[in-house]
N, C-alpha and C. Protein backbone atom coordinates (compact mmCIF):
# COMPACT_ATOMS: atom_id res chain seq x y z
N MET A 1 53.35 31.32 11.23
CA MET A 1 52.94 32.68 11.30
C MET A 1 53.48 33.25 12.59
N PRO A 2 53.94 34.42 12.71
CA PRO A 2 54.18 35.35 11.63
C PRO A 2 55.45 35.03 10.82
N GLN A 3 55.39 35.39 9.57
CA GLN A 3 56.54 35.26 8.67
C GLN A 3 57.17 36.64 8.56
N ILE A 4 58.41 36.76 9.01
CA ILE A 4 59.08 38.06 9.03
C ILE A 4 60.32 37.98 8.14
N THR A 5 60.44 38.96 7.25
CA THR A 5 61.59 39.04 6.37
C THR A 5 62.24 40.41 6.54
N VAL A 6 63.56 40.41 6.69
CA VAL A 6 64.30 41.66 6.85
C VAL A 6 65.31 41.74 5.71
N ASP A 7 65.05 42.64 4.78
CA ASP A 7 65.98 42.91 3.69
C ASP A 7 66.82 44.12 4.10
N TYR A 8 68.13 44.01 3.95
CA TYR A 8 68.98 45.12 4.38
C TYR A 8 70.25 45.20 3.54
N SER A 9 70.77 46.41 3.41
CA SER A 9 72.01 46.64 2.69
C SER A 9 73.16 46.02 3.46
N ASP A 10 74.03 45.32 2.75
CA ASP A 10 75.13 44.65 3.45
C ASP A 10 76.15 45.61 4.05
N THR A 11 76.05 46.88 3.73
CA THR A 11 76.93 47.86 4.37
C THR A 11 76.64 47.98 5.87
N LEU A 12 75.50 47.44 6.30
CA LEU A 12 75.13 47.46 7.72
C LEU A 12 75.58 46.22 8.46
N GLU A 13 76.25 45.31 7.78
CA GLU A 13 76.60 44.01 8.36
C GLU A 13 77.17 44.12 9.77
N SER A 14 78.11 44.99 9.99
CA SER A 14 78.72 45.09 11.32
C SER A 14 77.97 46.04 12.25
N ALA A 15 77.05 46.84 11.71
CA ALA A 15 76.33 47.82 12.53
C ALA A 15 74.95 47.34 12.97
N PHE A 16 74.47 46.24 12.40
CA PHE A 16 73.11 45.78 12.64
C PHE A 16 73.13 44.57 13.59
N ASP A 17 72.60 44.76 14.78
CA ASP A 17 72.48 43.69 15.76
C ASP A 17 71.25 42.86 15.40
N ARG A 18 71.43 41.93 14.49
CA ARG A 18 70.31 41.14 13.97
C ARG A 18 69.71 40.23 15.04
N ALA A 19 70.54 39.58 15.84
CA ALA A 19 70.01 38.69 16.88
C ALA A 19 69.18 39.47 17.89
N GLY A 20 69.69 40.59 18.35
CA GLY A 20 68.95 41.41 19.30
C GLY A 20 67.67 41.96 18.70
N PHE A 21 67.74 42.36 17.43
CA PHE A 21 66.56 42.88 16.75
C PHE A 21 65.50 41.80 16.63
N ALA A 22 65.89 40.60 16.21
CA ALA A 22 64.92 39.51 16.05
C ALA A 22 64.23 39.19 17.37
N TRP A 23 65.01 39.10 18.44
CA TRP A 23 64.45 38.80 19.76
C TRP A 23 63.43 39.86 20.16
N ALA A 24 63.83 41.13 20.04
CA ALA A 24 62.94 42.23 20.43
C ALA A 24 61.72 42.30 19.52
N LEU A 25 61.91 42.03 18.23
CA LEU A 25 60.78 42.06 17.30
C LEU A 25 59.80 40.95 17.60
N HIS A 26 60.30 39.77 17.94
CA HIS A 26 59.40 38.68 18.31
C HIS A 26 58.59 39.05 19.55
N GLU A 27 59.25 39.66 20.55
CA GLU A 27 58.54 40.09 21.75
C GLU A 27 57.46 41.13 21.40
N ALA A 28 57.79 42.09 20.54
CA ALA A 28 56.81 43.11 20.14
C ALA A 28 55.65 42.49 19.37
N THR A 29 55.95 41.53 18.52
CA THR A 29 54.90 40.90 17.73
C THR A 29 53.95 40.11 18.62
N VAL A 30 54.50 39.44 19.61
CA VAL A 30 53.66 38.72 20.58
C VAL A 30 52.80 39.71 21.36
N GLY A 31 53.41 40.77 21.85
CA GLY A 31 52.70 41.74 22.68
C GLY A 31 51.66 42.56 21.93
N ILE A 32 51.97 42.94 20.71
CA ILE A 32 51.08 43.83 19.96
C ILE A 32 50.06 43.05 19.13
N ALA A 33 50.51 41.99 18.46
CA ALA A 33 49.64 41.29 17.51
C ALA A 33 49.14 39.94 18.02
N ALA A 34 49.42 39.64 19.28
CA ALA A 34 48.95 38.39 19.90
C ALA A 34 49.42 37.14 19.16
N ALA A 35 50.66 37.19 18.66
CA ALA A 35 51.24 36.01 18.02
C ALA A 35 51.80 35.09 19.11
N LYS A 36 51.99 33.84 18.77
CA LYS A 36 52.62 32.90 19.70
C LYS A 36 54.13 33.01 19.53
N PRO A 37 54.87 33.06 20.64
CA PRO A 37 56.33 33.20 20.53
C PRO A 37 56.97 32.13 19.64
N GLU A 38 56.53 30.88 19.78
CA GLU A 38 57.13 29.79 19.00
C GLU A 38 56.77 29.85 17.52
N SER A 39 55.85 30.74 17.15
CA SER A 39 55.46 30.88 15.74
C SER A 39 56.25 31.96 15.02
N CYS A 40 56.96 32.80 15.76
CA CYS A 40 57.71 33.90 15.15
C CYS A 40 58.95 33.35 14.44
N LYS A 41 59.06 33.67 13.17
CA LYS A 41 60.20 33.23 12.36
C LYS A 41 60.71 34.43 11.56
N THR A 42 62.00 34.69 11.63
CA THR A 42 62.58 35.83 10.94
C THR A 42 63.74 35.39 10.06
N GLN A 43 63.72 35.86 8.82
CA GLN A 43 64.84 35.63 7.89
C GLN A 43 65.47 36.97 7.56
N PHE A 44 66.80 37.00 7.59
CA PHE A 44 67.54 38.20 7.23
C PHE A 44 68.18 37.98 5.87
N ARG A 45 67.98 38.94 4.96
CA ARG A 45 68.52 38.83 3.61
C ARG A 45 69.35 40.07 3.29
N PRO A 46 70.69 39.93 3.40
CA PRO A 46 71.55 41.06 3.05
C PRO A 46 71.62 41.25 1.54
N SER A 47 71.70 42.49 1.13
CA SER A 47 71.80 42.81 -0.29
C SER A 47 73.15 43.47 -0.55
N ALA A 48 73.87 42.94 -1.50
CA ALA A 48 75.20 43.47 -1.83
C ALA A 48 75.11 44.72 -2.70
N TYR A 49 73.94 44.99 -3.23
CA TYR A 49 73.79 46.12 -4.15
C TYR A 49 72.55 46.91 -3.77
N THR A 50 72.75 48.16 -3.36
CA THR A 50 71.64 49.04 -3.03
C THR A 50 71.78 50.31 -3.86
N ALA A 51 70.74 50.66 -4.60
CA ALA A 51 70.72 51.89 -5.38
C ALA A 51 69.80 52.88 -4.68
N PHE A 52 70.23 54.14 -4.63
CA PHE A 52 69.43 55.17 -3.99
C PHE A 52 69.40 56.39 -4.90
N GLY A 53 68.22 56.75 -5.34
CA GLY A 53 68.06 57.95 -6.18
C GLY A 53 69.02 57.94 -7.35
N TYR A 54 69.70 59.06 -7.53
CA TYR A 54 70.67 59.18 -8.62
C TYR A 54 72.11 59.01 -8.15
N GLU A 55 72.27 58.60 -6.89
CA GLU A 55 73.62 58.40 -6.36
C GLU A 55 74.30 57.24 -7.07
N ASP A 56 75.59 57.38 -7.30
CA ASP A 56 76.38 56.28 -7.83
C ASP A 56 76.35 55.15 -6.81
N PRO A 57 75.80 53.96 -7.15
CA PRO A 57 75.73 52.87 -6.18
C PRO A 57 77.09 52.49 -5.60
N GLY A 58 78.14 52.75 -6.33
CA GLY A 58 79.48 52.47 -5.83
C GLY A 58 79.86 53.35 -4.65
N ALA A 59 79.20 54.48 -4.51
CA ALA A 59 79.50 55.39 -3.40
C ALA A 59 79.06 54.79 -2.07
N ARG A 60 78.03 53.98 -2.10
CA ARG A 60 77.52 53.25 -0.93
C ARG A 60 77.31 54.18 0.28
N GLY A 61 76.71 55.34 0.01
CA GLY A 61 76.46 56.32 1.06
C GLY A 61 75.10 56.16 1.73
N HIS A 62 74.29 55.24 1.21
CA HIS A 62 72.96 55.02 1.76
C HIS A 62 72.77 53.54 2.03
N ALA A 63 72.00 53.25 3.06
CA ALA A 63 71.66 51.86 3.37
C ALA A 63 70.15 51.76 3.58
N VAL A 64 69.60 50.62 3.21
CA VAL A 64 68.17 50.39 3.29
C VAL A 64 67.90 49.19 4.19
N VAL A 65 66.89 49.31 5.05
CA VAL A 65 66.36 48.18 5.79
C VAL A 65 64.85 48.20 5.58
N HIS A 66 64.31 47.10 5.10
CA HIS A 66 62.86 46.99 4.95
C HIS A 66 62.41 45.70 5.62
N VAL A 67 61.45 45.82 6.54
CA VAL A 67 60.93 44.68 7.29
C VAL A 67 59.50 44.40 6.84
N THR A 68 59.25 43.16 6.44
CA THR A 68 57.90 42.75 6.07
C THR A 68 57.43 41.70 7.06
N ILE A 69 56.26 41.91 7.64
CA ILE A 69 55.68 40.96 8.58
C ILE A 69 54.37 40.46 8.00
N GLY A 70 54.29 39.16 7.78
CA GLY A 70 53.07 38.54 7.29
C GLY A 70 52.35 37.87 8.44
N LEU A 71 51.12 38.28 8.69
CA LEU A 71 50.30 37.73 9.76
C LEU A 71 49.05 37.08 9.19
N LEU A 72 48.52 36.11 9.89
CA LEU A 72 47.21 35.59 9.52
C LEU A 72 46.20 36.72 9.61
N ALA A 73 45.22 36.72 8.74
CA ALA A 73 44.22 37.79 8.70
C ALA A 73 43.49 37.90 10.03
N GLY A 74 43.03 39.10 10.34
CA GLY A 74 42.22 39.30 11.52
C GLY A 74 42.65 40.47 12.38
N ARG A 75 43.87 40.99 12.17
CA ARG A 75 44.31 42.15 12.96
C ARG A 75 43.76 43.42 12.31
N ASP A 76 43.35 44.36 13.15
CA ASP A 76 42.84 45.61 12.60
C ASP A 76 44.00 46.51 12.17
N GLU A 77 43.66 47.57 11.46
CA GLU A 77 44.68 48.48 10.93
C GLU A 77 45.46 49.17 12.04
N GLU A 78 44.82 49.47 13.15
CA GLU A 78 45.51 50.10 14.28
C GLU A 78 46.60 49.19 14.84
N THR A 79 46.31 47.91 14.96
CA THR A 79 47.30 46.94 15.45
C THR A 79 48.48 46.86 14.49
N LYS A 80 48.18 46.80 13.20
CA LYS A 80 49.25 46.74 12.20
C LYS A 80 50.12 47.99 12.26
N ALA A 81 49.48 49.15 12.40
CA ALA A 81 50.23 50.41 12.47
C ALA A 81 51.10 50.46 13.73
N ARG A 82 50.58 50.01 14.86
CA ARG A 82 51.38 49.96 16.10
C ARG A 82 52.60 49.06 15.93
N LEU A 83 52.41 47.94 15.23
CA LEU A 83 53.51 47.01 15.01
C LEU A 83 54.57 47.62 14.09
N THR A 84 54.16 48.28 13.02
CA THR A 84 55.16 48.89 12.13
C THR A 84 55.91 50.00 12.85
N GLU A 85 55.24 50.78 13.69
CA GLU A 85 55.94 51.82 14.47
C GLU A 85 56.94 51.18 15.43
N ALA A 86 56.55 50.07 16.03
CA ALA A 86 57.48 49.36 16.93
C ALA A 86 58.70 48.86 16.16
N VAL A 87 58.49 48.36 14.95
CA VAL A 87 59.61 47.90 14.12
C VAL A 87 60.59 49.03 13.88
N LEU A 88 60.08 50.20 13.49
CA LEU A 88 60.97 51.33 13.21
C LEU A 88 61.74 51.76 14.45
N GLU A 89 61.08 51.75 15.60
CA GLU A 89 61.77 52.09 16.84
C GLU A 89 62.86 51.05 17.17
N LEU A 90 62.55 49.79 16.97
CA LEU A 90 63.54 48.74 17.23
C LEU A 90 64.73 48.85 16.29
N LEU A 91 64.49 49.23 15.05
CA LEU A 91 65.61 49.42 14.12
C LEU A 91 66.52 50.54 14.61
N ARG A 92 65.91 51.61 15.13
CA ARG A 92 66.72 52.73 15.64
C ARG A 92 67.64 52.28 16.78
N THR A 93 67.18 51.31 17.56
CA THR A 93 67.99 50.86 18.70
C THR A 93 68.91 49.69 18.37
N HIS A 94 68.72 49.05 17.23
CA HIS A 94 69.54 47.88 16.90
C HIS A 94 70.45 48.08 15.69
N VAL A 95 70.43 49.27 15.12
CA VAL A 95 71.40 49.61 14.07
C VAL A 95 72.27 50.71 14.65
N ALA A 96 73.54 50.37 14.88
CA ALA A 96 74.49 51.32 15.45
C ALA A 96 74.74 52.45 14.46
N ASP A 97 75.30 53.52 14.97
CA ASP A 97 75.64 54.62 14.07
C ASP A 97 76.51 54.09 12.94
N ALA A 98 75.98 54.17 11.76
CA ALA A 98 76.72 53.70 10.59
C ALA A 98 77.20 54.92 9.81
N ALA A 99 78.19 54.73 8.99
CA ALA A 99 78.74 55.82 8.21
C ALA A 99 77.94 56.05 6.94
N VAL A 100 76.66 55.70 6.98
CA VAL A 100 75.77 55.85 5.83
C VAL A 100 74.45 56.46 6.30
N THR A 101 73.67 56.96 5.36
CA THR A 101 72.33 57.42 5.67
C THR A 101 71.40 56.21 5.64
N LEU A 102 70.70 55.98 6.74
CA LEU A 102 69.83 54.82 6.86
C LEU A 102 68.40 55.16 6.46
N HIS A 103 67.83 54.34 5.60
CA HIS A 103 66.44 54.46 5.18
C HIS A 103 65.72 53.20 5.67
N ALA A 104 64.86 53.35 6.68
CA ALA A 104 64.19 52.21 7.29
C ALA A 104 62.70 52.27 6.98
N SER A 105 62.12 51.09 6.73
CA SER A 105 60.68 51.01 6.48
C SER A 105 60.17 49.66 6.96
N ALA A 106 58.86 49.61 7.17
CA ALA A 106 58.24 48.37 7.64
C ALA A 106 56.83 48.27 7.08
N GLU A 107 56.39 47.04 6.93
CA GLU A 107 55.05 46.77 6.41
C GLU A 107 54.51 45.54 7.12
N VAL A 108 53.26 45.60 7.54
CA VAL A 108 52.57 44.44 8.08
C VAL A 108 51.44 44.14 7.11
N ARG A 109 51.39 42.91 6.68
CA ARG A 109 50.36 42.52 5.71
C ARG A 109 49.71 41.22 6.15
N ASP A 110 48.51 41.00 5.63
CA ASP A 110 47.82 39.73 5.86
C ASP A 110 48.38 38.67 4.93
N LEU A 111 48.64 37.49 5.47
CA LEU A 111 49.01 36.37 4.63
C LEU A 111 47.79 35.96 3.81
N ASP A 112 48.03 35.50 2.62
CA ASP A 112 46.95 35.05 1.74
C ASP A 112 46.24 33.85 2.36
N ALA A 113 44.97 33.70 2.02
CA ALA A 113 44.19 32.57 2.55
C ALA A 113 44.78 31.23 2.17
N SER A 114 45.61 31.19 1.14
CA SER A 114 46.23 29.92 0.71
C SER A 114 47.44 29.55 1.57
N TYR A 115 47.86 30.40 2.50
CA TYR A 115 49.03 30.15 3.32
C TYR A 115 48.88 28.83 4.10
N ARG A 116 49.91 28.02 4.02
CA ARG A 116 50.02 26.79 4.80
C ARG A 116 51.46 26.68 5.27
N LYS A 117 51.69 25.92 6.32
CA LYS A 117 53.05 25.69 6.77
C LYS A 117 53.21 24.21 7.12
N SER A 118 54.46 23.79 7.14
CA SER A 118 54.77 22.42 7.47
C SER A 118 55.95 22.43 8.43
N ASP A 119 55.83 21.76 9.53
CA ASP A 119 56.92 21.63 10.48
C ASP A 119 57.41 20.19 10.45
N GLY A 120 58.70 20.05 10.35
CA GLY A 120 59.23 18.71 10.44
C GLY A 120 59.86 18.32 9.21
């Protein structure tokens, strides 16, 4: 915990500083949600196909980034909202000007009570 997943359009591949974003996001998660630094784990999943509204997907004029953060239960809604706002701000600073319209979103959710992890 926390389990962080970043889904993004592959058109951002060269414009998205993923390493810098992950580092800054881990710091924000520790500072805002009281997570342990060594517990922060982030996976980046590029998508080769992004559809937006009625635009021809081949035009590739839009890019999407959606960040999901799963935390153990116990954080209040204000903490979750502060973390999602921090995510959006970090995306603004870690995605360079791209030749596409960027649609960024974030969600913080409680991990299910069945959540378990294994190290090793």
